[in-house]
C-alpha atoms as a PDB file:
ATOM      1  CA  MET A   1      -7.865  12.614 -10.423  1.00  0.00           C
ATOM      2  CA  ARG A   2      -9.420   9.709 -11.815  1.00  0.00           C
ATOM      3  CA  GLY A   3      -6.432   8.626 -13.981  1.00  0.00           C
ATOM      4  CA  SER A   4      -4.289   8.571 -10.783  1.00  0.00           C
ATOM      5  CA  TYR A   5      -6.576   6.041  -9.151  1.00  0.00           C
ATOM      6  CA  LEU A   6      -6.278   3.904 -12.308  1.00  0.00           C
ATOM      7  CA  VAL A   7      -2.467   4.421 -12.156  1.00  0.00           C
ATOM      8  CA  VAL A   8      -2.471   3.289  -8.483  1.00  0.00           C
ATOM      9  CA  ILE A   9      -4.727   0.301  -9.237  1.00  0.00           C
ATOM     10  CA  VAL A  10      -2.427  -1.058 -11.882  1.00  0.00           C
ATOM     11  CA  ILE A  11       0.676  -0.711  -9.933  1.00  0.00           C
ATOM     12  CA  VAL A  12      -0.670  -2.640  -7.015  1.00  0.00           C
ATOM     13  CA  ALA A  13      -1.997  -5.253  -9.493  1.00  0.00           C
ATOM     14  CA  ILE A  14       1.243  -5.706 -11.003  1.00  0.00           C
ATOM     15  CA  GLY A  15       3.176  -5.907  -7.660  1.00  0.00           C
ATOM     16  CA  THR A  16       0.471  -8.365  -6.350  1.00  0.00           C
ATOM     17  CA  TYR A  17       0.851 -10.437  -9.391  1.00  0.00           C
ATOM     18  CA  LEU A  18       4.670 -10.461  -9.235  1.00  0.00           C
ATOM     19  CA  MET A  19       4.784 -11.335  -5.715  1.00  0.00           C
ATOM     20  CA  ARG A  20       2.638 -14.252  -6.529  1.00  0.00           C
ATOM     21  CA  PHE A  21       4.585 -15.218  -9.564  1.00  0.00           C
ATOM     22  CA  LEU A  22       8.052 -15.169  -8.603  1.00  0.00           C
ATOM     23  CA  PRO A  23       8.301 -17.642  -6.190  1.00  0.00           C
ATOM     24  CA  MET A  24       6.894 -20.040  -8.606  1.00  0.00           C
ATOM     25  CA  ARG A  25       9.022 -18.848 -11.353  1.00  0.00           C
ATOM     26  CA  PHE A  26      12.369 -19.021  -9.414  1.00  0.00           C
ATOM     27  CA  LYS A  27      11.397 -22.249  -7.401  1.00  0.00           C
ATOM     28  CA  GLY A  28      14.672 -24.264  -6.624  1.00  0.00           C
ATOM     29  CA  THR A  29      17.147 -21.939  -8.330  1.00  0.00           C
ATOM     30  CA  VAL A  30      18.261 -20.065  -5.436  1.00  0.00           C
ATOM     31  CA  GLY A  31      19.531 -21.264  -2.382  1.00  0.00           C
ATOM     32  CA  ASN A  32      17.825 -18.609  -0.168  1.00  0.00           C
ATOM     33  CA  ILE A  33      14.545 -18.875  -2.003  1.00  0.00           C
ATOM     34  CA  VAL A  34      12.692 -20.338   0.943  1.00  0.00           C
ATOM     35  CA  LYS A  35      13.109 -16.973   2.890  1.00  0.00           C
ATOM     36  CA  SER A  36      12.325 -15.041  -0.149  1.00  0.00           C
ATOM     37  CA  SER A  37       9.275 -17.111  -0.962  1.00  0.00           C
ATOM     38  CA  ASN A  38       8.103 -16.815   2.776  1.00  0.00           C
ATOM     39  CA  PHE A  39       8.508 -13.117   2.594  1.00  0.00           C
ATOM     40  CA  LEU A  40       6.692 -12.830  -0.958  1.00  0.00           C
ATOM     41  CA  LYS A  41       3.772 -14.953   0.546  1.00  0.00           C
ATOM     42  CA  HIS A  42       3.310 -12.940   3.509  1.00  0.00           C
ATOM     43  CA  SER A  43       3.883  -9.313   1.807  1.00  0.00           C
ATOM     44  CA  SER A  44       1.108 -10.289  -0.834  1.00  0.00           C
ATOM     45  CA  THR A  45      -1.254 -11.173   2.117  1.00  0.00           C
ATOM     46  CA  ALA A  46      -0.494  -8.109   3.841  1.00  0.00           C
ATOM     47  CA  ILE A  47      -1.029  -5.801   0.407  1.00  0.00           C
ATOM     48  CA  VAL A  48      -4.487  -7.759  -0.005  1.00  0.00           C
ATOM     49  CA  SER A  49      -5.371  -7.048   3.729  1.00  0.00           C
ATOM     50  CA  ALA A  50      -4.294  -3.387   3.401  1.00  0.00           C
ATOM     51  CA  LEU A  51      -6.460  -2.912   0.200  1.00  0.00           C
ATOM     52  CA  PHE A  52      -9.431  -4.446   1.845  1.00  0.00           C
ATOM     53  CA  LEU A  53      -9.049  -2.157   4.770  1.00  0.00           C
ATOM     54  CA  THR A  54      -8.791   1.038   2.840  1.00  0.00           C
ATOM     55  CA  SER A  55     -11.509  -0.105   0.547  1.00  0.00           C
ATOM     56  CA  LEU A  56     -13.940  -0.746   3.738  1.00  0.00           C
ATOM     57  CA  VAL A  57     -13.207   2.635   5.369  1.00  0.00           C
ATOM     58  CA  SER A  58     -12.512   5.875   3.597  1.00  0.00           C
ATOM     59  CA  PHE A  59     -12.217   9.313   5.089  1.00  0.00           C
ATOM     60  CA  PRO A  60     -14.074  11.272   5.762  1.00  0.00           C
ATOM     61  CA  THR A  61     -16.038   8.370   7.093  1.00  0.00           C
ATOM     62  CA  LYS A  62     -19.778   8.083   5.947  1.00  0.00           C
ATOM     63  CA  LEU A  63     -22.090   5.676   7.678  1.00  0.00           C
ATOM     64  CA  GLY A  64     -24.070   4.585   4.691  1.00  0.00           C
ATOM     65  CA  GLU A  65     -20.817   3.379   2.640  1.00  0.00           C
ATOM     66  CA  ILE A  66     -19.838   1.532   5.577  1.00  0.00           C
ATOM     67  CA  LEU A  67     -22.989  -0.060   6.059  1.00  0.00           C
ATOM     68  CA  THR A  68     -23.255  -1.023   2.380  1.00  0.00           C
ATOM     69  CA  SER A  69     -19.661  -2.526   2.535  1.00  0.00           C
ATOM     70  CA  LEU A  70     -20.485  -4.464   5.664  1.00  0.00           C
ATOM     71  CA  LEU A  71     -23.807  -5.875   4.313  1.00  0.00           C
ATOM     72  CA  ALA A  72     -22.163  -6.980   0.882  1.00  0.00           C
ATOM     73  CA  LEU A  73     -19.295  -8.543   2.876  1.00  0.00           C
ATOM     74  CA  VAL A  74     -21.798 -10.470   4.990  1.00  0.00           C
ATOM     75  CA  LEU A  75     -23.512 -11.593   1.787  1.00  0.00           C
ATOM     76  CA  VAL A  76     -20.151 -12.782   0.302  1.00  0.00           C
ATOM     77  CA  PHE A  77     -19.321 -14.797   3.300  1.00  0.00           C
ATOM     78  CA  LEU A  78     -22.630 -16.430   3.205  1.00  0.00           C
ATOM     79  CA  SER A  79     -22.585 -17.062  -0.315  1.00  0.00           C
ATOM     80  CA  TYR A  80     -19.037 -18.674  -0.029  1.00  0.00           C
ATOM     81  CA  ARG A  81     -20.234 -20.922   3.073  1.00  0.00           C
ATOM     82  CA  LYS A  82     -23.366 -22.025   0.867  1.00  0.00           C
ATOM     83  CA  TRP A  83     -21.619 -22.831  -2.428  1.00  0.00           C
ATOM     84  CA  ARG A  84     -18.022 -22.948  -1.511  1.00  0.00           C
ATOM     85  CA  ASN A  85     -17.285 -21.206  -4.608  1.00  0.00           C
ATOM     86  CA  LEU A  86     -15.157 -18.095  -4.695  1.00  0.00           C
ATOM     87  CA  GLY A  87     -15.873 -16.887  -7.987  1.00  0.00           C
ATOM     88  CA  ILE A  88     -19.776 -16.935  -6.971  1.00  0.00           C
ATOM     89  CA  SER A  89     -19.112 -15.352  -3.793  1.00  0.00           C
ATOM     90  CA  ILE A  90     -17.183 -12.345  -5.464  1.00  0.00           C
ATOM     91  CA  MET A  91     -19.917 -12.005  -7.908  1.00  0.00           C
ATOM     92  CA  VAL A  92     -22.447 -11.810  -5.202  1.00  0.00           C
ATOM     93  CA  GLY A  93     -20.446  -9.088  -3.302  1.00  0.00           C
ATOM     94  CA  ILE A  94     -20.098  -7.055  -6.449  1.00  0.00           C
ATOM     95  CA  VAL A  95     -23.750  -7.226  -7.311  1.00  0.00           C
ATOM     96  CA  SER A  96     -25.046  -6.823  -3.594  1.00  0.00           C
ATOM     97  CA  HIS A  97     -22.652  -3.750  -3.060  1.00  0.00           C
ATOM     98  CA  PHE A  98     -23.989  -2.166  -6.375  1.00  0.00           C
ATOM     99  CA  SER A  99     -27.592  -2.952  -5.533  1.00  0.00           C
ATOM    100  CA  PHE A 100     -27.188  -1.351  -1.861  1.00  0.00           C
ATOM    101  CA  ASN A 101     -25.633   1.702  -3.211  1.00  0.00           C
ATOM    102  CA  ILE A 102     -28.400   2.206  -5.630  1.00  0.00           C
ATOM    103  CA  LEU A 103     -31.197   1.594  -2.841  1.00  0.00           C
ATOM    104  CA  LEU A 104     -29.284   3.768  -0.343  1.00  0.00           C
ATOM    105  CA  ARG A 105     -28.966   6.806  -2.551  1.00  0.00           C
END
């Protein structure tokens, strides 16, 4: 079962990368690239949003897990507002999510 999660993560990562890479690679070579680029831009945003929602809420719903995720998300938001650095904010989110998981168990 764990291996299937890894396969799904790799497939989504490759798909997300290609959606961001292809518009840059073929920029200006095809007359219809504006429509394709627009589609790829919005579809990659949709994939990231879907991944966010599915990672935030899982079934069966456990209140402790949702609370942990929401607290970590608030800390990510606050750290981004303070430092305006996405990398630092992601690290704050990872560390805080891990810490809250340890504390709530």
